[in-house]
PDB file of all heavy atoms in Angstrom:
ATOM      1  N   PHE A   1       0.772  -1.209   0.045  1.00  0.00           N
ATOM      2  CA  PHE A   1      -0.013   0.009  -0.008  1.00  0.00           C
ATOM      3  C   PHE A   1       0.863   1.261   0.025  1.00  0.00           C
ATOM      4  O   PHE A   1       0.388   2.325  -0.558  1.00  0.00           O
ATOM      5  CB  PHE A   1      -0.939  -0.010   1.127  1.00  0.00           C
ATOM      6  CG  PHE A   1      -2.067  -1.018   1.156  1.00  0.00           C
ATOM      7  CD1 PHE A   1      -2.026  -2.308   1.755  1.00  0.00           C
ATOM      8  CD2 PHE A   1      -3.158  -0.747   0.273  1.00  0.00           C
ATOM      9  CE1 PHE A   1      -3.026  -3.179   1.656  1.00  0.00           C
ATOM     10  CE2 PHE A   1      -4.257  -1.647   0.083  1.00  0.00           C
ATOM     11  CZ  PHE A   1      -4.180  -2.950   0.759  1.00  0.00           C
ATOM     12  N   CYS A   2       1.984   1.180   0.657  1.00  0.00           N
ATOM     13  CA  CYS A   2       2.844   2.300   0.692  1.00  0.00           C
ATOM     14  C   CYS A   2       3.800   2.570  -0.540  1.00  0.00           C
ATOM     15  O   CYS A   2       4.144   3.658  -0.811  1.00  0.00           O
ATOM     16  CB  CYS A   2       3.835   2.346   1.925  1.00  0.00           C
ATOM     17  SG  CYS A   2       3.115   2.370   3.513  1.00  0.00           S
ATOM     18  N   GLY A   3       3.973   1.490  -1.250  1.00  0.00           N
ATOM     19  CA  GLY A   3       4.949   1.607  -2.389  1.00  0.00           C
ATOM     20  C   GLY A   3       6.359   1.800  -1.935  1.00  0.00           C
ATOM     21  O   GLY A   3       7.211   2.287  -2.764  1.00  0.00           O
ATOM     22  N   ASP A   4       6.644   1.375  -0.645  1.00  0.00           N
ATOM     23  CA  ASP A   4       7.934   1.419  -0.112  1.00  0.00           C
ATOM     24  C   ASP A   4       7.931   0.513   1.119  1.00  0.00           C
ATOM     25  O   ASP A   4       6.961   0.169   1.642  1.00  0.00           O
ATOM     26  CB  ASP A   4       8.357   2.843   0.269  1.00  0.00           C
ATOM     27  CG  ASP A   4       9.863   3.067   0.450  1.00  0.00           C
ATOM     28  OD1 ASP A   4      10.606   2.095   0.320  1.00  0.00           O
ATOM     29  OD2 ASP A   4      10.361   4.172   0.827  1.00  0.00           O
ATOM     30  N   TYR A   5       9.175   0.143   1.428  1.00  0.00           N
ATOM     31  CA  TYR A   5       9.183  -0.836   2.594  1.00  0.00           C
ATOM     32  C   TYR A   5       8.611  -0.242   3.814  1.00  0.00           C
ATOM     33  O   TYR A   5       9.093   0.758   4.373  1.00  0.00           O
ATOM     34  CB  TYR A   5      10.714  -1.276   2.822  1.00  0.00           C
ATOM     35  CG  TYR A   5      11.246  -2.059   1.720  1.00  0.00           C
ATOM     36  CD1 TYR A   5      12.676  -1.882   1.422  1.00  0.00           C
ATOM     37  CD2 TYR A   5      10.637  -2.992   1.006  1.00  0.00           C
ATOM     38  CE1 TYR A   5      13.283  -2.610   0.311  1.00  0.00           C
ATOM     39  CE2 TYR A   5      11.142  -3.735  -0.090  1.00  0.00           C
ATOM     40  CZ  TYR A   5      12.422  -3.482  -0.382  1.00  0.00           C
ATOM     41  OH  TYR A   5      13.058  -4.259  -1.428  1.00  0.00           O
ATOM     42  N   ALA A   6       7.770  -0.978   4.348  1.00  0.00           N
ATOM     43  CA  ALA A   6       6.994  -0.700   5.592  1.00  0.00           C
ATOM     44  C   ALA A   6       7.655  -1.397   6.844  1.00  0.00           C
ATOM     45  O   ALA A   6       8.107  -2.518   6.593  1.00  0.00           O
ATOM     46  CB  ALA A   6       5.589  -0.947   5.631  1.00  0.00           C
ATOM     47  N   PRO A   7       7.840  -0.674   7.952  1.00  0.00           N
ATOM     48  CA  PRO A   7       8.508  -1.258   9.076  1.00  0.00           C
ATOM     49  C   PRO A   7       7.645  -2.413   9.763  1.00  0.00           C
ATOM     50  O   PRO A   7       6.376  -2.396   9.589  1.00  0.00           O
ATOM     51  CB  PRO A   7       8.743  -0.107  10.031  1.00  0.00           C
ATOM     52  CG  PRO A   7       7.731   0.827   9.677  1.00  0.00           C
ATOM     53  CD  PRO A   7       7.427   0.661   8.160  1.00  0.00           C
ATOM     54  N   ILE A   8       8.268  -3.226  10.462  1.00  0.00           N
ATOM     55  CA  ILE A   8       7.633  -4.216  11.323  1.00  0.00           C
ATOM     56  C   ILE A   8       7.128  -3.646  12.604  1.00  0.00           C
ATOM     57  O   ILE A   8       7.822  -2.819  13.211  1.00  0.00           O
ATOM     58  CB  ILE A   8       8.668  -5.394  11.549  1.00  0.00           C
ATOM     59  CG1 ILE A   8       8.825  -6.158  10.268  1.00  0.00           C
ATOM     60  CG2 ILE A   8       7.970  -6.375  12.636  1.00  0.00           C
ATOM     61  CD1 ILE A   8      10.101  -7.192  10.314  1.00  0.00           C
ATOM     62  N   ASP A   9       5.947  -3.860  13.027  1.00  0.00           N
ATOM     63  CA  ASP A   9       5.524  -3.240  14.192  1.00  0.00           C
ATOM     64  C   ASP A   9       5.866  -4.104  15.492  1.00  0.00           C
ATOM     65  O   ASP A   9       6.148  -5.274  15.303  1.00  0.00           O
ATOM     66  CB  ASP A   9       3.965  -3.045  14.233  1.00  0.00           C
ATOM     67  CG  ASP A   9       3.218  -4.316  14.503  1.00  0.00           C
ATOM     68  OD1 ASP A   9       3.347  -5.399  13.736  1.00  0.00           O
ATOM     69  OD2 ASP A   9       2.521  -4.348  15.576  1.00  0.00           O
ATOM     70  N   TYR A  10       5.901  -3.529  16.609  1.00  0.00           N
ATOM     71  CA  TYR A  10       6.269  -4.182  17.811  1.00  0.00           C
ATOM     72  C   TYR A  10       5.438  -5.508  18.043  1.00  0.00           C
ATOM     73  O   TYR A  10       6.044  -6.534  18.511  1.00  0.00           O
ATOM     74  CB  TYR A  10       6.123  -3.318  18.989  1.00  0.00           C
ATOM     75  CG  TYR A  10       7.001  -2.043  19.184  1.00  0.00           C
ATOM     76  CD1 TYR A  10       6.707  -1.002  20.066  1.00  0.00           C
ATOM     77  CD2 TYR A  10       8.211  -2.004  18.412  1.00  0.00           C
ATOM     78  CE1 TYR A  10       7.512   0.001  20.180  1.00  0.00           C
ATOM     79  CE2 TYR A  10       8.991  -0.844  18.559  1.00  0.00           C
ATOM     80  CZ  TYR A  10       8.612   0.070  19.417  1.00  0.00           C
ATOM     81  OH  TYR A  10       9.452   1.266  19.706  1.00  0.00           O
ATOM     82  N   SER A  11       4.235  -5.453  17.875  1.00  0.00           N
ATOM     83  CA  SER A  11       3.326  -6.566  18.332  1.00  0.00           C
ATOM     84  C   SER A  11       3.605  -7.748  17.425  1.00  0.00           C
ATOM     85  O   SER A  11       3.917  -8.917  17.930  1.00  0.00           O
ATOM     86  CB  SER A  11       1.857  -6.232  18.235  1.00  0.00           C
ATOM     87  OG  SER A  11       1.075  -7.174  18.870  1.00  0.00           O
ATOM     88  N   ASP A  12       3.587  -7.650  16.094  1.00  0.00           N
ATOM     89  CA  ASP A  12       3.902  -8.789  15.243  1.00  0.00           C
ATOM     90  C   ASP A  12       5.399  -9.146  15.330  1.00  0.00           C
ATOM     91  O   ASP A  12       5.751 -10.274  15.184  1.00  0.00           O
ATOM     92  CB  ASP A  12       3.505  -8.474  13.742  1.00  0.00           C
ATOM     93  CG  ASP A  12       3.255  -9.652  12.970  1.00  0.00           C
ATOM     94  OD1 ASP A  12       3.022 -10.731  13.536  1.00  0.00           O
ATOM     95  OD2 ASP A  12       3.028  -9.564  11.654  1.00  0.00           O
ATOM     96  N   GLY A  13       6.202  -8.172  15.486  1.00  0.00           N
ATOM     97  CA  GLY A  13       7.606  -8.290  15.648  1.00  0.00           C
ATOM     98  C   GLY A  13       8.000  -9.261  16.883  1.00  0.00           C
ATOM     99  O   GLY A  13       9.029  -9.834  16.906  1.00  0.00           O
ATOM    100  N   SER A  14       7.197  -9.267  17.888  1.00  0.00           N
ATOM    101  CA  SER A  14       7.341 -10.056  19.031  1.00  0.00           C
ATOM    102  C   SER A  14       6.954 -11.552  18.916  1.00  0.00           C
ATOM    103  O   SER A  14       7.059 -12.257  19.675  1.00  0.00           O
ATOM    104  CB  SER A  14       6.690  -9.434  20.281  1.00  0.00           C
ATOM    105  OG  SER A  14       5.312  -9.159  20.049  1.00  0.00           O
ATOM    106  N   GLY A  15       6.608 -11.792  17.521  1.00  0.00           N
ATOM    107  CA  GLY A  15       6.261 -13.279  17.248  1.00  0.00           C
ATOM    108  C   GLY A  15       7.478 -13.783  16.288  1.00  0.00           C
ATOM    109  O   GLY A  15       7.257 -14.633  15.469  1.00  0.00           O
ATOM    110  N   MET A  16       8.675 -13.239  16.584  1.00  0.00           N
ATOM    111  CA  MET A  16       9.797 -13.619  15.708  1.00  0.00           C
ATOM    112  C   MET A  16      10.937 -14.332  16.495  1.00  0.00           C
ATOM    113  O   MET A  16      11.925 -14.819  15.760  1.00  0.00           O
ATOM    114  CB  MET A  16      10.312 -12.463  15.004  1.00  0.00           C
ATOM    115  CG  MET A  16       9.341 -11.707  14.117  1.00  0.00           C
ATOM    116  SD  MET A  16      10.034 -10.155  13.350  1.00  0.00           S
ATOM    117  CE  MET A  16      11.251 -10.877  12.194  1.00  0.00           C
ATOM    118  N   ASN A  17      11.008 -14.361  17.792  1.00  0.00           N
ATOM    119  CA  ASN A  17      12.148 -14.778  18.622  1.00  0.00           C
ATOM    120  C   ASN A  17      13.331 -13.838  18.341  1.00  0.00           C
ATOM    121  O   ASN A  17      14.450 -14.308  18.450  1.00  0.00           O
ATOM    122  CB  ASN A  17      12.577 -16.234  18.373  1.00  0.00           C
ATOM    123  CG  ASN A  17      11.743 -17.244  19.071  1.00  0.00           C
ATOM    124  OD1 ASN A  17      11.432 -18.349  18.638  1.00  0.00           O
ATOM    125  ND2 ASN A  17      11.358 -16.946  20.342  1.00  0.00           N
ATOM    126  N   LEU A  18      13.052 -12.570  17.983  1.00  0.00           N
ATOM    127  CA  LEU A  18      14.149 -11.729  17.625  1.00  0.00           C
ATOM    128  C   LEU A  18      13.946 -10.360  18.406  1.00  0.00           C
ATOM    129  O   LEU A  18      14.919  -9.606  18.661  1.00  0.00           O
ATOM    130  CB  LEU A  18      14.129 -11.360  16.151  1.00  0.00           C
ATOM    131  CG  LEU A  18      14.545 -12.446  15.150  1.00  0.00           C
ATOM    132  CD1 LEU A  18      14.354 -11.905  13.730  1.00  0.00           C
ATOM    133  CD2 LEU A  18      16.042 -12.816  15.462  1.00  0.00           C
ATOM    134  N   LEU A  19      12.790  -9.930  18.835  1.00  0.00           N
ATOM    135  CA  LEU A  19      12.491  -8.706  19.442  1.00  0.00           C
ATOM    136  C   LEU A  19      12.636  -8.804  20.964  1.00  0.00           C
ATOM    137  O   LEU A  19      12.096  -9.728  21.627  1.00  0.00           O
ATOM    138  CB  LEU A  19      11.119  -8.240  19.166  1.00  0.00           C
ATOM    139  CG  LEU A  19      10.854  -6.685  19.482  1.00  0.00           C
ATOM    140  CD1 LEU A  19      11.463  -5.765  18.622  1.00  0.00           C
ATOM    141  CD2 LEU A  19       9.282  -6.452  19.568  1.00  0.00           C
ATOM    142  N   ASP A  20      13.465  -7.866  21.633  1.00  0.00           N
ATOM    143  CA  ASP A  20      13.447  -7.732  23.017  1.00  0.00           C
ATOM    144  C   ASP A  20      12.186  -7.065  23.353  1.00  0.00           C
ATOM    145  O   ASP A  20      12.017  -5.786  23.124  1.00  0.00           O
ATOM    146  CB  ASP A  20      14.639  -6.883  23.495  1.00  0.00           C
ATOM    147  CG  ASP A  20      14.818  -6.800  24.860  1.00  0.00           C
ATOM    148  OD1 ASP A  20      13.795  -6.651  25.665  1.00  0.00           O
ATOM    149  OD2 ASP A  20      15.983  -6.703  25.426  1.00  0.00           O
ATOM    150  N   ILE A  21      11.172  -7.805  23.932  1.00  0.00           N
ATOM    151  CA  ILE A  21       9.847  -7.180  24.100  1.00  0.00           C
ATOM    152  C   ILE A  21       9.743  -6.222  25.292  1.00  0.00           C
ATOM    153  O   ILE A  21       8.766  -5.518  25.422  1.00  0.00           O
ATOM    154  CB  ILE A  21       8.804  -8.380  24.254  1.00  0.00           C
ATOM    155  CG1 ILE A  21       8.977  -9.157  25.453  1.00  0.00           C
ATOM    156  CG2 ILE A  21       8.746  -9.159  23.026  1.00  0.00           C
ATOM    157  CD1 ILE A  21       7.822 -10.178  25.847  1.00  0.00           C
ATOM    158  N   VAL A  22      10.773  -6.142  26.052  1.00  0.00           N
ATOM    159  CA  VAL A  22      10.814  -5.169  27.165  1.00  0.00           C
ATOM    160  C   VAL A  22      11.333  -3.896  26.669  1.00  0.00           C
ATOM    161  O   VAL A  22      10.868  -2.779  26.889  1.00  0.00           O
ATOM    162  CB  VAL A  22      11.585  -5.634  28.431  1.00  0.00           C
ATOM    163  CG1 VAL A  22      11.745  -4.451  29.561  1.00  0.00           C
ATOM    164  CG2 VAL A  22      10.949  -6.845  29.046  1.00  0.00           C
ATOM    165  N   ASN A  23      12.496  -3.954  25.970  1.00  0.00           N
ATOM    166  CA  ASN A  23      13.196  -2.739  25.364  1.00  0.00           C
ATOM    167  C   ASN A  23      12.617  -2.263  24.142  1.00  0.00           C
ATOM    168  O   ASN A  23      12.958  -1.217  23.568  1.00  0.00           O
ATOM    169  CB  ASN A  23      14.615  -2.987  25.350  1.00  0.00           C
ATOM    170  CG  ASN A  23      15.354  -3.166  26.613  1.00  0.00           C
ATOM    171  OD1 ASN A  23      15.000  -2.504  27.596  1.00  0.00           O
ATOM    172  ND2 ASN A  23      16.241  -4.136  26.719  1.00  0.00           N
ATOM    173  N   LYS A  24      11.762  -3.180  23.406  1.00  0.00           N
ATOM    174  CA  LYS A  24      11.127  -2.772  22.189  1.00  0.00           C
ATOM    175  C   LYS A  24      12.259  -2.536  21.123  1.00  0.00           C
ATOM    176  O   LYS A  24      12.046  -1.512  20.370  1.00  0.00           O
ATOM    177  CB  LYS A  24      10.276  -1.624  22.326  1.00  0.00           C
ATOM    178  CG  LYS A  24       9.216  -1.666  23.449  1.00  0.00           C
ATOM    179  CD  LYS A  24       8.296  -2.799  23.413  1.00  0.00           C
ATOM    180  CE  LYS A  24       7.122  -2.557  24.406  1.00  0.00           C
ATOM    181  NZ  LYS A  24       7.541  -2.566  25.842  1.00  0.00           N
ATOM    182  N   SER A  25      13.219  -3.425  21.006  1.00  0.00           N
ATOM    183  CA  SER A  25      14.161  -3.310  20.038  1.00  0.00           C
ATOM    184  C   SER A  25      14.725  -4.712  19.659  1.00  0.00           C
ATOM    185  O   SER A  25      14.536  -5.640  20.396  1.00  0.00           O
ATOM    186  CB  SER A  25      15.395  -2.429  20.454  1.00  0.00           C
ATOM    187  OG  SER A  25      15.915  -2.999  21.679  1.00  0.00           O
ATOM    188  N   TRP A  26      15.359  -4.854  18.508  1.00  0.00           N
ATOM    189  CA  TRP A  26      15.864  -6.163  18.156  1.00  0.00           C
ATOM    190  C   TRP A  26      16.904  -6.582  19.155  1.00  0.00           C
ATOM    191  O   TRP A  26      17.832  -5.806  19.545  1.00  0.00           O
ATOM    192  CB  TRP A  26      16.522  -6.117  16.799  1.00  0.00           C
ATOM    193  CG  TRP A  26      15.494  -5.729  15.695  1.00  0.00           C
ATOM    194  CD1 TRP A  26      15.673  -4.775  14.650  1.00  0.00           C
ATOM    195  CD2 TRP A  26      14.296  -6.368  15.303  1.00  0.00           C
ATOM    196  NE1 TRP A  26      14.654  -4.713  13.878  1.00  0.00           N
ATOM    197  CE2 TRP A  26      13.800  -5.640  14.145  1.00  0.00           C
ATOM    198  CE3 TRP A  26      13.454  -7.519  15.841  1.00  0.00           C
ATOM    199  CZ2 TRP A  26      12.574  -6.009  13.635  1.00  0.00           C
ATOM    200  CZ3 TRP A  26      12.348  -7.811  15.224  1.00  0.00           C
ATOM    201  CH2 TRP A  26      11.771  -7.009  14.151  1.00  0.00           C
ATOM    202  N   SER A  27      16.904  -7.800  19.512  1.00  0.00           N
ATOM    203  CA  SER A  27      17.931  -8.366  20.435  1.00  0.00           C
ATOM    204  C   SER A  27      19.214  -8.590  19.694  1.00  0.00           C
ATOM    205  O   SER A  27      19.254  -9.490  18.780  1.00  0.00           O
ATOM    206  CB  SER A  27      17.501  -9.649  21.083  1.00  0.00           C
ATOM    207  OG  SER A  27      18.546 -10.446  21.661  1.00  0.00           O
ATOM    208  N   PRO A  28      20.368  -7.946  20.043  1.00  0.00           N
ATOM    209  CA  PRO A  28      21.583  -8.183  19.365  1.00  0.00           C
ATOM    210  C   PRO A  28      22.013  -9.714  19.332  1.00  0.00           C
ATOM    211  O   PRO A  28      22.521 -10.203  18.377  1.00  0.00           O
ATOM    212  CB  PRO A  28      22.600  -7.319  20.026  1.00  0.00           C
ATOM    213  CG  PRO A  28      21.808  -6.269  20.667  1.00  0.00           C
ATOM    214  CD  PRO A  28      20.535  -6.895  21.091  1.00  0.00           C
ATOM    215  N   GLU A  29      21.792 -10.402  20.460  1.00  0.00           N
ATOM    216  CA  GLU A  29      22.184 -11.766  20.620  1.00  0.00           C
ATOM    217  C   GLU A  29      21.370 -12.642  19.567  1.00  0.00           C
ATOM    218  O   GLU A  29      21.921 -13.530  18.940  1.00  0.00           O
ATOM    219  CB  GLU A  29      21.892 -12.242  21.996  1.00  0.00           C
ATOM    220  CG  GLU A  29      22.580 -11.586  23.113  1.00  0.00           C
ATOM    221  CD  GLU A  29      21.900 -12.016  24.477  1.00  0.00           C
ATOM    222  OE1 GLU A  29      22.402 -13.069  25.015  1.00  0.00           O
ATOM    223  OE2 GLU A  29      21.118 -11.356  24.955  1.00  0.00           O
ATOM    224  N   CYS A  30      20.148 -12.411  19.481  1.00  0.00           N
ATOM    225  CA  CYS A  30      19.251 -13.141  18.650  1.00  0.00           C
ATOM    226  C   CYS A  30      19.584 -12.816  17.078  1.00  0.00           C
ATOM    227  O   CYS A  30      19.619 -13.779  16.290  1.00  0.00           O
ATOM    228  CB  CYS A  30      17.822 -12.824  18.890  1.00  0.00           C
ATOM    229  SG  CYS A  30      17.262 -13.369  20.500  1.00  0.00           S
ATOM    230  N   LEU A  31      19.768 -11.578  16.824  1.00  0.00           N
ATOM    231  CA  LEU A  31      20.103 -11.148  15.522  1.00  0.00           C
ATOM    232  C   LEU A  31      21.483 -11.862  14.975  1.00  0.00           C
ATOM    233  O   LEU A  31      21.484 -12.461  13.814  1.00  0.00           O
ATOM    234  CB  LEU A  31      20.278  -9.726  15.322  1.00  0.00           C
ATOM    235  CG  LEU A  31      19.120  -8.902  15.498  1.00  0.00           C
ATOM    236  CD1 LEU A  31      19.515  -7.349  15.355  1.00  0.00           C
ATOM    237  CD2 LEU A  31      17.978  -9.143  14.414  1.00  0.00           C
ATOM    238  N   LYS A  32      22.419 -11.896  15.856  1.00  0.00           N
ATOM    239  CA  LYS A  32      23.744 -12.498  15.504  1.00  0.00           C
ATOM    240  C   LYS A  32      23.532 -13.983  15.251  1.00  0.00           C
ATOM    241  O   LYS A  32      24.260 -14.489  14.317  1.00  0.00           O
ATOM    242  CB  LYS A  32      24.692 -12.296  16.681  1.00  0.00           C
ATOM    243  CG  LYS A  32      26.065 -12.777  16.401  1.00  0.00           C
ATOM    244  CD  LYS A  32      26.999 -12.478  17.583  1.00  0.00           C
ATOM    245  CE  LYS A  32      28.380 -13.030  17.262  1.00  0.00           C
ATOM    246  NZ  LYS A  32      29.386 -12.888  18.419  1.00  0.00           N
ATOM    247  N   ALA A  33      22.703 -14.667  15.959  1.00  0.00           N
ATOM    248  CA  ALA A  33      22.521 -16.085  15.841  1.00  0.00           C
ATOM    249  C   ALA A  33      21.819 -16.433  14.532  1.00  0.00           C
ATOM    250  O   ALA A  33      21.918 -17.567  14.013  1.00  0.00           O
ATOM    251  CB  ALA A  33      21.787 -16.789  17.002  1.00  0.00           C
ATOM    252  N   CYS A  34      20.916 -15.579  14.075  1.00  0.00           N
ATOM    253  CA  CYS A  34      19.985 -15.927  12.969  1.00  0.00           C
ATOM    254  C   CYS A  34      20.450 -15.499  11.627  1.00  0.00           C
ATOM    255  O   CYS A  34      19.862 -16.138  10.590  1.00  0.00           O
ATOM    256  CB  CYS A  34      18.631 -15.307  13.289  1.00  0.00           C
ATOM    257  SG  CYS A  34      17.744 -15.994  14.661  1.00  0.00           S
TER     258      CYS A  34
END
């Protein structure tokens, strides 16, 4: 709908095993592993 990359929202992003759901940011440990 935007015609450009839309960001991932916190709520759906917390279904990835990647988002630190307390700090609301990607977990560096999880990113490095994946």
